[in-house]
């Protein structure tokens, strides 16, 4: 039993399908997260990996300072920010 051309085609096809199903979407998600972190600015409402929500007070290359209720400020690693929360729009009357 040798390794034939059809086996090689099947193997390459499987690798190609895996790339499009697993690696490409993950890469796009990582690029979107990197873009979101680069665009963080003072006043943004964000959520962290631990589920805490706060307002960005200061941003450096690796640290984000968030303000919570009663003016409590906590420094987070920038990688802990997972989402910028959109401001709620007032309901139409």
N, C-alpha and C. Protein backbone atom coordinates (compact mmCIF):
# COMPACT_ATOMS: atom_id res chain seq x y z
N UNK A 1 0.84 -1.18 0.00
CA UNK A 1 0.00 0.00 0.00
C UNK A 1 0.88 1.24 0.00
N UNK A 2 0.77 2.00 -1.02
CA UNK A 2 1.57 3.21 -1.13
C UNK A 2 0.71 4.44 -0.86
N UNK A 3 1.37 5.53 -0.82
CA UNK A 3 0.71 6.82 -0.62
C UNK A 3 0.46 7.39 -2.01
N UNK A 4 -0.80 7.34 -2.46
CA UNK A 4 -1.13 7.72 -3.82
C UNK A 4 -1.50 9.19 -3.97
N UNK A 5 -1.73 9.55 -5.22
CA UNK A 5 -2.08 10.94 -5.53
C UNK A 5 -3.41 11.34 -4.89
N UNK A 6 -4.35 10.41 -4.86
CA UNK A 6 -5.66 10.73 -4.27
C UNK A 6 -5.55 10.97 -2.77
N UNK A 7 -4.65 10.23 -2.12
CA UNK A 7 -4.42 10.44 -0.69
C UNK A 7 -3.86 11.84 -0.44
N UNK A 8 -2.95 12.25 -1.31
CA UNK A 8 -2.35 13.57 -1.18
C UNK A 8 -3.40 14.67 -1.42
N UNK A 9 -4.25 14.48 -2.43
CA UNK A 9 -5.31 15.44 -2.72
C UNK A 9 -6.27 15.53 -1.54
N UNK A 10 -6.63 14.40 -0.96
CA UNK A 10 -7.53 14.37 0.19
C UNK A 10 -6.90 15.10 1.38
N UNK A 11 -5.62 14.85 1.64
CA UNK A 11 -4.93 15.49 2.75
C UNK A 11 -4.86 17.00 2.56
N UNK A 12 -4.51 17.45 1.36
CA UNK A 12 -4.44 18.89 1.09
C UNK A 12 -5.83 19.52 1.17
N UNK A 13 -6.85 18.81 0.69
CA UNK A 13 -8.21 19.32 0.78
C UNK A 13 -8.67 19.47 2.22
N UNK A 14 -8.33 18.49 3.05
CA UNK A 14 -8.68 18.54 4.47
C UNK A 14 -8.00 19.72 5.16
N UNK A 15 -6.74 19.94 4.86
CA UNK A 15 -6.00 21.06 5.45
C UNK A 15 -6.61 22.38 5.00
N UNK A 16 -7.00 22.49 3.75
CA UNK A 16 -7.61 23.70 3.23
C UNK A 16 -8.96 23.98 3.91
N UNK A 17 -9.77 22.95 4.07
CA UNK A 17 -11.07 23.11 4.73
C UNK A 17 -10.87 23.54 6.18
N UNK A 18 -9.91 22.93 6.88
CA UNK A 18 -9.63 23.30 8.27
C UNK A 18 -9.20 24.76 8.36
N UNK A 19 -8.41 25.21 7.40
CA UNK A 19 -7.96 26.61 7.41
C UNK A 19 -9.16 27.55 7.32
N UNK A 20 -10.07 27.28 6.39
CA UNK A 20 -11.21 28.17 6.21
C UNK A 20 -12.23 28.06 7.34
N UNK A 21 -12.34 26.92 7.98
CA UNK A 21 -13.32 26.75 9.05
C UNK A 21 -12.82 27.20 10.42
N UNK A 22 -11.52 27.05 10.67
CA UNK A 22 -11.00 27.32 12.02
C UNK A 22 -10.06 28.51 12.07
N UNK A 23 -9.04 28.52 11.26
CA UNK A 23 -7.97 29.51 11.40
C UNK A 23 -8.35 30.88 10.86
N UNK A 24 -9.00 30.95 9.73
CA UNK A 24 -9.36 32.24 9.14
C UNK A 24 -10.33 33.03 10.02
N UNK A 25 -11.42 32.44 10.53
CA UNK A 25 -12.31 33.21 11.42
C UNK A 25 -11.62 33.67 12.70
N UNK A 26 -10.75 32.83 13.26
CA UNK A 26 -10.02 33.20 14.48
C UNK A 26 -9.10 34.38 14.20
N UNK A 27 -8.48 34.37 13.05
CA UNK A 27 -7.57 35.46 12.69
C UNK A 27 -8.35 36.78 12.54
N UNK A 28 -9.51 36.72 11.91
CA UNK A 28 -10.33 37.92 11.75
C UNK A 28 -10.80 38.45 13.11
N UNK A 29 -11.17 37.54 14.00
CA UNK A 29 -11.60 37.94 15.34
C UNK A 29 -10.46 38.61 16.10
N UNK A 30 -9.25 38.07 15.99
CA UNK A 30 -8.08 38.64 16.66
C UNK A 30 -7.76 40.02 16.10
N UNK A 31 -7.88 40.19 14.79
CA UNK A 31 -7.62 41.50 14.18
C UNK A 31 -8.64 42.54 14.66
N UNK A 32 -9.91 42.14 14.78
CA UNK A 32 -10.95 43.06 15.26
C UNK A 32 -10.68 43.46 16.71
N UNK A 33 -10.26 42.50 17.54
CA UNK A 33 -9.95 42.79 18.94
C UNK A 33 -8.76 43.74 19.05
N UNK A 34 -7.74 43.51 18.25
CA UNK A 34 -6.56 44.38 18.25
C UNK A 34 -6.93 45.80 17.83
N UNK A 35 -7.80 45.93 16.83
CA UNK A 35 -8.25 47.24 16.37
C UNK A 35 -9.06 47.94 17.46
N UNK A 36 -9.92 47.19 18.16
CA UNK A 36 -10.73 47.76 19.23
C UNK A 36 -9.84 48.25 20.38
N UNK A 37 -8.84 47.47 20.75
CA UNK A 37 -7.94 47.87 21.83
C UNK A 37 -7.11 49.09 21.45
N UNK A 38 -6.72 49.19 20.20
CA UNK A 38 -5.93 50.34 19.74
C UNK A 38 -6.78 51.61 19.74
N UNK A 39 -8.10 51.46 19.59
CA UNK A 39 -8.97 52.62 19.54
C UNK A 39 -9.57 53.03 20.87
N UNK A 40 -9.16 52.39 21.97
CA UNK A 40 -9.69 52.77 23.29
C UNK A 40 -9.33 54.22 23.61
N UNK A 41 -10.31 54.93 24.17
CA UNK A 41 -10.05 56.32 24.54
C UNK A 41 -10.78 56.64 25.84
N UNK A 42 -10.38 57.72 26.43
CA UNK A 42 -10.99 58.17 27.68
C UNK A 42 -12.49 58.38 27.49
N UNK A 43 -13.29 57.89 28.44
CA UNK A 43 -14.74 58.05 28.37
C UNK A 43 -15.47 56.84 27.81
N UNK A 44 -14.76 55.90 27.19
CA UNK A 44 -15.40 54.69 26.67
C UNK A 44 -15.90 53.82 27.81
N UNK A 45 -17.07 53.23 27.65
CA UNK A 45 -17.59 52.25 28.59
C UNK A 45 -17.13 50.88 28.09
N UNK A 46 -16.47 50.09 28.94
CA UNK A 46 -15.92 48.81 28.51
C UNK A 46 -16.29 47.70 29.48
N UNK A 47 -16.17 46.46 29.00
CA UNK A 47 -16.35 45.27 29.82
C UNK A 47 -15.02 44.51 29.82
N UNK A 48 -14.71 43.90 30.97
CA UNK A 48 -13.46 43.13 31.11
C UNK A 48 -13.76 41.64 31.04
N UNK A 49 -12.70 40.84 31.00
CA UNK A 49 -12.86 39.39 30.96
C UNK A 49 -13.53 38.87 32.22
N UNK A 50 -13.42 39.59 33.33
CA UNK A 50 -14.04 39.15 34.58
C UNK A 50 -15.49 39.60 34.70
N UNK A 51 -15.98 40.34 33.70
CA UNK A 51 -17.37 40.79 33.72
C UNK A 51 -17.58 42.15 34.33
N UNK A 52 -16.52 42.80 34.75
CA UNK A 52 -16.64 44.14 35.34
C UNK A 52 -16.83 45.16 34.22
N UNK A 53 -17.65 46.15 34.48
CA UNK A 53 -17.90 47.21 33.51
C UNK A 53 -17.53 48.54 34.13
N UNK A 54 -16.82 49.34 33.36
CA UNK A 54 -16.41 50.63 33.88
C UNK A 54 -16.11 51.61 32.76
N UNK A 55 -15.72 52.81 33.16
CA UNK A 55 -15.40 53.87 32.21
C UNK A 55 -13.89 54.03 32.14
N UNK A 56 -13.36 54.14 30.93
CA UNK A 56 -11.92 54.32 30.74
C UNK A 56 -11.54 55.72 31.19
N UNK A 57 -10.54 55.79 32.09
CA UNK A 57 -10.06 57.07 32.58
C UNK A 57 -8.69 57.38 31.98
N UNK A 58 -7.86 56.34 31.79
CA UNK A 58 -6.53 56.52 31.23
C UNK A 58 -6.14 55.27 30.46
N UNK A 59 -5.36 55.47 29.38
CA UNK A 59 -4.90 54.35 28.55
C UNK A 59 -3.41 54.54 28.28
N UNK A 60 -2.63 53.47 28.52
CA UNK A 60 -1.22 53.45 28.11
C UNK A 60 -1.06 52.28 27.14
N UNK A 61 0.18 51.95 26.82
CA UNK A 61 0.42 50.85 25.88
C UNK A 61 -0.08 49.52 26.40
N UNK A 62 0.04 49.28 27.72
CA UNK A 62 -0.32 47.97 28.27
C UNK A 62 -1.35 48.02 29.39
N UNK A 63 -1.65 49.21 29.92
CA UNK A 63 -2.54 49.33 31.08
C UNK A 63 -3.70 50.27 30.77
N UNK A 64 -4.89 49.87 31.23
CA UNK A 64 -6.08 50.70 31.11
C UNK A 64 -6.61 50.93 32.53
N UNK A 65 -6.85 52.19 32.89
CA UNK A 65 -7.42 52.51 34.20
C UNK A 65 -8.91 52.72 34.01
N UNK A 66 -9.71 51.95 34.79
CA UNK A 66 -11.16 52.05 34.71
C UNK A 66 -11.71 52.67 35.98
N UNK A 67 -12.77 53.48 35.81
CA UNK A 67 -13.45 54.10 36.95
C UNK A 67 -14.79 53.40 37.12
N UNK A 68 -15.08 53.03 38.37
CA UNK A 68 -16.33 52.38 38.72
C UNK A 68 -17.14 53.31 39.62
N UNK A 69 -18.18 52.81 40.25
CA UNK A 69 -19.01 53.61 41.14
C UNK A 69 -18.19 54.22 42.27
N UNK A 70 -18.62 55.34 42.76
CA UNK A 70 -17.98 56.05 43.87
C UNK A 70 -16.53 56.38 43.59
N UNK A 71 -16.21 56.62 42.32
CA UNK A 71 -14.88 57.05 41.91
C UNK A 71 -13.77 56.04 42.21
N UNK A 72 -14.10 54.77 42.27
CA UNK A 72 -13.10 53.72 42.46
C UNK A 72 -12.38 53.51 41.14
N UNK A 73 -11.04 53.55 41.17
CA UNK A 73 -10.24 53.37 39.95
C UNK A 73 -9.36 52.14 40.10
N UNK A 74 -9.37 51.31 39.06
CA UNK A 74 -8.58 50.08 39.07
C UNK A 74 -7.84 49.97 37.75
N UNK A 75 -6.56 49.59 37.83
CA UNK A 75 -5.75 49.37 36.64
C UNK A 75 -5.95 47.94 36.14
N UNK A 76 -6.16 47.79 34.84
CA UNK A 76 -6.30 46.49 34.20
C UNK A 76 -5.27 46.37 33.09
N UNK A 77 -4.84 45.15 32.85
CA UNK A 77 -4.02 44.89 31.69
C UNK A 77 -4.90 45.13 30.47
N UNK A 78 -4.35 45.71 29.43
CA UNK A 78 -5.14 46.05 28.24
C UNK A 78 -5.79 44.80 27.63
N UNK A 79 -5.14 43.67 27.76
CA UNK A 79 -5.68 42.42 27.20
C UNK A 79 -6.94 41.95 27.94
N UNK A 80 -7.21 42.51 29.12
CA UNK A 80 -8.41 42.12 29.89
C UNK A 80 -9.67 42.79 29.37
N UNK A 81 -9.54 43.77 28.49
CA UNK A 81 -10.70 44.45 27.92
C UNK A 81 -11.21 43.61 26.76
N UNK A 82 -12.49 43.22 26.81
CA UNK A 82 -13.03 42.36 25.76
C UNK A 82 -14.08 43.04 24.90
N UNK A 83 -14.63 44.17 25.39
CA UNK A 83 -15.73 44.77 24.63
C UNK A 83 -15.88 46.23 24.99
N UNK A 84 -16.12 47.06 23.99
CA UNK A 84 -16.53 48.44 24.21
C UNK A 84 -18.04 48.43 24.16
N UNK A 85 -18.67 48.93 25.21
CA UNK A 85 -20.12 48.91 25.31
C UNK A 85 -20.67 50.17 24.66
N UNK A 86 -21.56 49.98 23.71
CA UNK A 86 -22.16 51.12 23.00
C UNK A 86 -23.07 51.88 23.95
N UNK A 87 -23.04 53.19 23.83
CA UNK A 87 -23.93 54.02 24.65
C UNK A 87 -25.36 53.75 24.25
N UNK A 88 -26.23 53.66 25.23
CA UNK A 88 -27.64 53.42 24.96
C UNK A 88 -28.26 54.66 24.37
N UNK A 89 -29.05 54.45 23.32
CA UNK A 89 -29.73 55.57 22.70
C UNK A 89 -31.07 55.78 23.39
N UNK A 90 -31.49 57.03 23.59
CA UNK A 90 -32.76 57.27 24.25
C UNK A 90 -33.92 56.76 23.39
N UNK A 91 -34.95 56.28 24.05
CA UNK A 91 -36.11 55.74 23.33
C UNK A 91 -36.86 56.88 22.66
N UNK A 92 -37.35 56.60 21.47
CA UNK A 92 -38.11 57.61 20.73
C UNK A 92 -39.48 57.80 21.37
N UNK A 93 -39.93 59.05 21.46
CA UNK A 93 -41.24 59.32 22.08
C UNK A 93 -42.29 59.47 21.02
